[in-house]
Every structure is written in C-alpha cells, then in structure tokens.
Amino acid sequence: MYRCKFGRMNIVTINGRKFDPNRIDLRQEQGVTEVWEIYNRPYMVGGMTHPFHIEGTQFKVISRDGIEVSPNEQGLKDSVLVESGERVK
C-alpha cells in the first residue's frame, strides 16, 4: 500500500466508493458529454493542492467552486490542479 506523510491514499473515492482498479463502476456512452465534479477534501493528504489526471483522454475545466474559469484555463487538458477544499468541474 502506498503511504504518504499525511496519511493513506486509500481515502480516494469515486461516487463515495473507494477506488478499485479491478472493478468497473461506470461506463461512458460514446458521444455523450459528462460533467465530473472533483473535490479535494481539506483533510486529504494534509490539505495540499493536488493534481487530478485522467489517462488516455482530455477534458475541459468549466468552473472552480461554481465560478467560470478564466480564459487561460479554457481548452483541452489532461490534468488540473485542485486546491485544498476546492470543487472543480
């Protein structure tokens, strides 16, 4: 198990379920847009800013804490930094 200075990484969840790479919880329908909300819990990893990354695809950041992102954050991304306590869509 991976451990870091501020706790165990097994507190990461997707829709309230602990991540398990051997389980498929959701399937994406081709051609349908989904909106994901990424929340960096303040107590997770000691309240650090944390990068969120999805392998093999790109996405757009549309808001931070409900506020539309500035032009420099618009466009396709493969990762985004999420501040402690922040919600990013």
C-alpha atoms as a PDB file:
ATOM      1  CA  MET A   1       0.000   0.000   0.000  1.00  0.00           C
ATOM      2  CA  TYR A   2       1.250   3.472  -0.885  1.00  0.00           C
ATOM      3  CA  ARG A   3       1.627   5.752   2.110  1.00  0.00           C
ATOM      4  CA  CYS A   4       2.440   9.405   2.226  1.00  0.00           C
ATOM      5  CA  LYS A   5       3.449  11.678   5.080  1.00  0.00           C
ATOM      6  CA  PHE A   6      -0.105  12.876   5.660  1.00  0.00           C
ATOM      7  CA  GLY A   7      -1.994   9.574   5.576  1.00  0.00           C
ATOM      8  CA  ARG A   8      -3.039   6.692   3.399  1.00  0.00           C
ATOM      9  CA  MET A   9      -4.031   7.213  -0.201  1.00  0.00           C
ATOM     10  CA  ASN A  10      -6.931   4.766   0.168  1.00  0.00           C
ATOM     11  CA  ILE A  11      -9.298   7.609   1.103  1.00  0.00           C
ATOM     12  CA  VAL A  12      -9.772   8.482  -2.578  1.00  0.00           C
ATOM     13  CA  THR A  13     -13.355   7.765  -3.638  1.00  0.00           C
ATOM     14  CA  ILE A  14     -15.442   7.893  -6.799  1.00  0.00           C
ATOM     15  CA  ASN A  15     -19.123   8.498  -6.080  1.00  0.00           C
ATOM     16  CA  GLY A  16     -18.488   7.529  -2.459  1.00  0.00           C
ATOM     17  CA  ARG A  17     -16.797   4.201  -3.262  1.00  0.00           C
ATOM     18  CA  LYS A  18     -13.125   3.543  -2.639  1.00  0.00           C
ATOM     19  CA  PHE A  19     -11.189   3.270  -5.895  1.00  0.00           C
ATOM     20  CA  ASP A  20     -10.523  -0.305  -7.024  1.00  0.00           C
ATOM     21  CA  PRO A  21      -8.695  -0.778 -10.351  1.00  0.00           C
ATOM     22  CA  ASN A  22     -10.177  -4.284 -10.621  1.00  0.00           C
ATOM     23  CA  ARG A  23     -13.780  -3.040 -10.620  1.00  0.00           C
ATOM     24  CA  ILE A  24     -15.772  -1.148 -13.264  1.00  0.00           C
ATOM     25  CA  ASP A  25     -18.482   1.010 -11.694  1.00  0.00           C
ATOM     26  CA  LEU A  26     -19.481   3.207 -14.608  1.00  0.00           C
ATOM     27  CA  ARG A  27     -19.496   3.057 -18.368  1.00  0.00           C
ATOM     28  CA  GLN A  28     -19.332   6.116 -20.601  1.00  0.00           C
ATOM     29  CA  GLU A  29     -21.712   6.176 -23.551  1.00  0.00           C
ATOM     30  CA  GLN A  30     -19.830   7.177 -26.676  1.00  0.00           C
ATOM     31  CA  GLY A  31     -20.584  10.717 -27.845  1.00  0.00           C
ATOM     32  CA  VAL A  32     -22.285  11.786 -24.605  1.00  0.00           C
ATOM     33  CA  THR A  33     -20.745  14.588 -22.540  1.00  0.00           C
ATOM     34  CA  GLU A  34     -20.389  14.037 -18.793  1.00  0.00           C
ATOM     35  CA  VAL A  35     -19.724  16.653 -16.125  1.00  0.00           C
ATOM     36  CA  TRP A  36     -17.489  15.472 -13.288  1.00  0.00           C
ATOM     37  CA  GLU A  37     -17.002  17.323 -10.023  1.00  0.00           C
ATOM     38  CA  ILE A  38     -13.582  16.838  -8.446  1.00  0.00           C
ATOM     39  CA  TYR A  39     -13.424  17.707  -4.748  1.00  0.00           C
ATOM     40  CA  ASN A  40     -10.115  17.893  -2.902  1.00  0.00           C
ATOM     41  CA  ARG A  41     -11.072  17.199   0.692  1.00  0.00           C
ATOM     42  CA  PRO A  42      -9.222  19.579   3.035  1.00  0.00           C
ATOM     43  CA  TYR A  43      -8.088  16.722   5.294  1.00  0.00           C
ATOM     44  CA  MET A  44      -6.834  14.582   2.406  1.00  0.00           C
ATOM     45  CA  VAL A  45      -3.052  14.490   2.046  1.00  0.00           C
ATOM     46  CA  GLY A  46      -2.673  17.191   4.673  1.00  0.00           C
ATOM     47  CA  GLY A  47      -4.692  19.821   2.822  1.00  0.00           C
ATOM     48  CA  MET A  48      -2.327  20.018  -0.137  1.00  0.00           C
ATOM     49  CA  THR A  49      -3.046  21.259  -3.635  1.00  0.00           C
ATOM     50  CA  HIS A  50      -3.302  18.093  -5.700  1.00  0.00           C
ATOM     51  CA  PRO A  51      -3.183  17.393  -9.452  1.00  0.00           C
ATOM     52  CA  PHE A  52      -6.092  15.459 -10.964  1.00  0.00           C
ATOM     53  CA  HIS A  53      -5.266  13.475 -14.104  1.00  0.00           C
ATOM     54  CA  ILE A  54      -7.179  11.110 -16.378  1.00  0.00           C
ATOM     55  CA  GLU A  55      -5.149   8.687 -18.508  1.00  0.00           C
ATOM     56  CA  GLY A  56      -5.790   8.499 -22.226  1.00  0.00           C
ATOM     57  CA  THR A  57      -8.253  11.351 -22.650  1.00  0.00           C
ATOM     58  CA  GLN A  58      -8.638  15.109 -22.435  1.00  0.00           C
ATOM     59  CA  PHE A  59     -11.231  17.253 -20.705  1.00  0.00           C
ATOM     60  CA  LYS A  60     -12.286  20.863 -20.215  1.00  0.00           C
ATOM     61  CA  VAL A  61     -12.361  22.698 -16.895  1.00  0.00           C
ATOM     62  CA  ILE A  62     -15.600  24.690 -16.730  1.00  0.00           C
ATOM     63  CA  SER A  63     -15.669  26.029 -13.168  1.00  0.00           C
ATOM     64  CA  ARG A  64     -13.856  26.317  -9.854  1.00  0.00           C
ATOM     65  CA  ASP A  65     -16.138  26.497  -6.814  1.00  0.00           C
ATOM     66  CA  GLY A  66     -19.025  27.411  -9.118  1.00  0.00           C
ATOM     67  CA  ILE A  67     -17.203  30.280 -10.854  1.00  0.00           C
ATOM     68  CA  GLU A  68     -16.459  30.042 -14.574  1.00  0.00           C
ATOM     69  CA  VAL A  69     -12.738  29.612 -15.233  1.00  0.00           C
ATOM     70  CA  SER A  70     -10.649  32.366 -16.776  1.00  0.00           C
ATOM     71  CA  PRO A  71      -9.628  32.213 -20.460  1.00  0.00           C
ATOM     72  CA  ASN A  72      -6.162  30.862 -19.633  1.00  0.00           C
ATOM     73  CA  GLU A  73      -7.787  27.718 -18.154  1.00  0.00           C
ATOM     74  CA  GLN A  74     -10.166  27.104 -21.037  1.00  0.00           C
ATOM     75  CA  GLY A  75      -9.305  24.483 -23.624  1.00  0.00           C
ATOM     76  CA  LEU A  76      -8.458  20.800 -23.505  1.00  0.00           C
ATOM     77  CA  LYS A  77      -6.499  19.497 -20.503  1.00  0.00           C
ATOM     78  CA  ASP A  78      -5.132  16.174 -19.330  1.00  0.00           C
ATOM     79  CA  SER A  79      -4.632  17.366 -15.757  1.00  0.00           C
ATOM     80  CA  VAL A  80      -5.767  20.143 -13.451  1.00  0.00           C
ATOM     81  CA  LEU A  81      -4.518  21.374 -10.074  1.00  0.00           C
ATOM     82  CA  VAL A  82      -7.206  21.304  -7.392  1.00  0.00           C
ATOM     83  CA  GLU A  83      -6.678  23.412  -4.272  1.00  0.00           C
ATOM     84  CA  SER A  84      -7.488  22.058  -0.817  1.00  0.00           C
ATOM     85  CA  GLY A  85     -11.252  22.322  -0.260  1.00  0.00           C
ATOM     86  CA  GLU A  86     -11.876  23.284  -3.884  1.00  0.00           C
ATOM     87  CA  ARG A  87     -14.501  21.818  -6.221  1.00  0.00           C
ATOM     88  CA  VAL A  88     -13.615  21.754  -9.906  1.00  0.00           C
ATOM     89  CA  LYS A  89     -15.952  20.839 -12.760  1.00  0.00           C
END
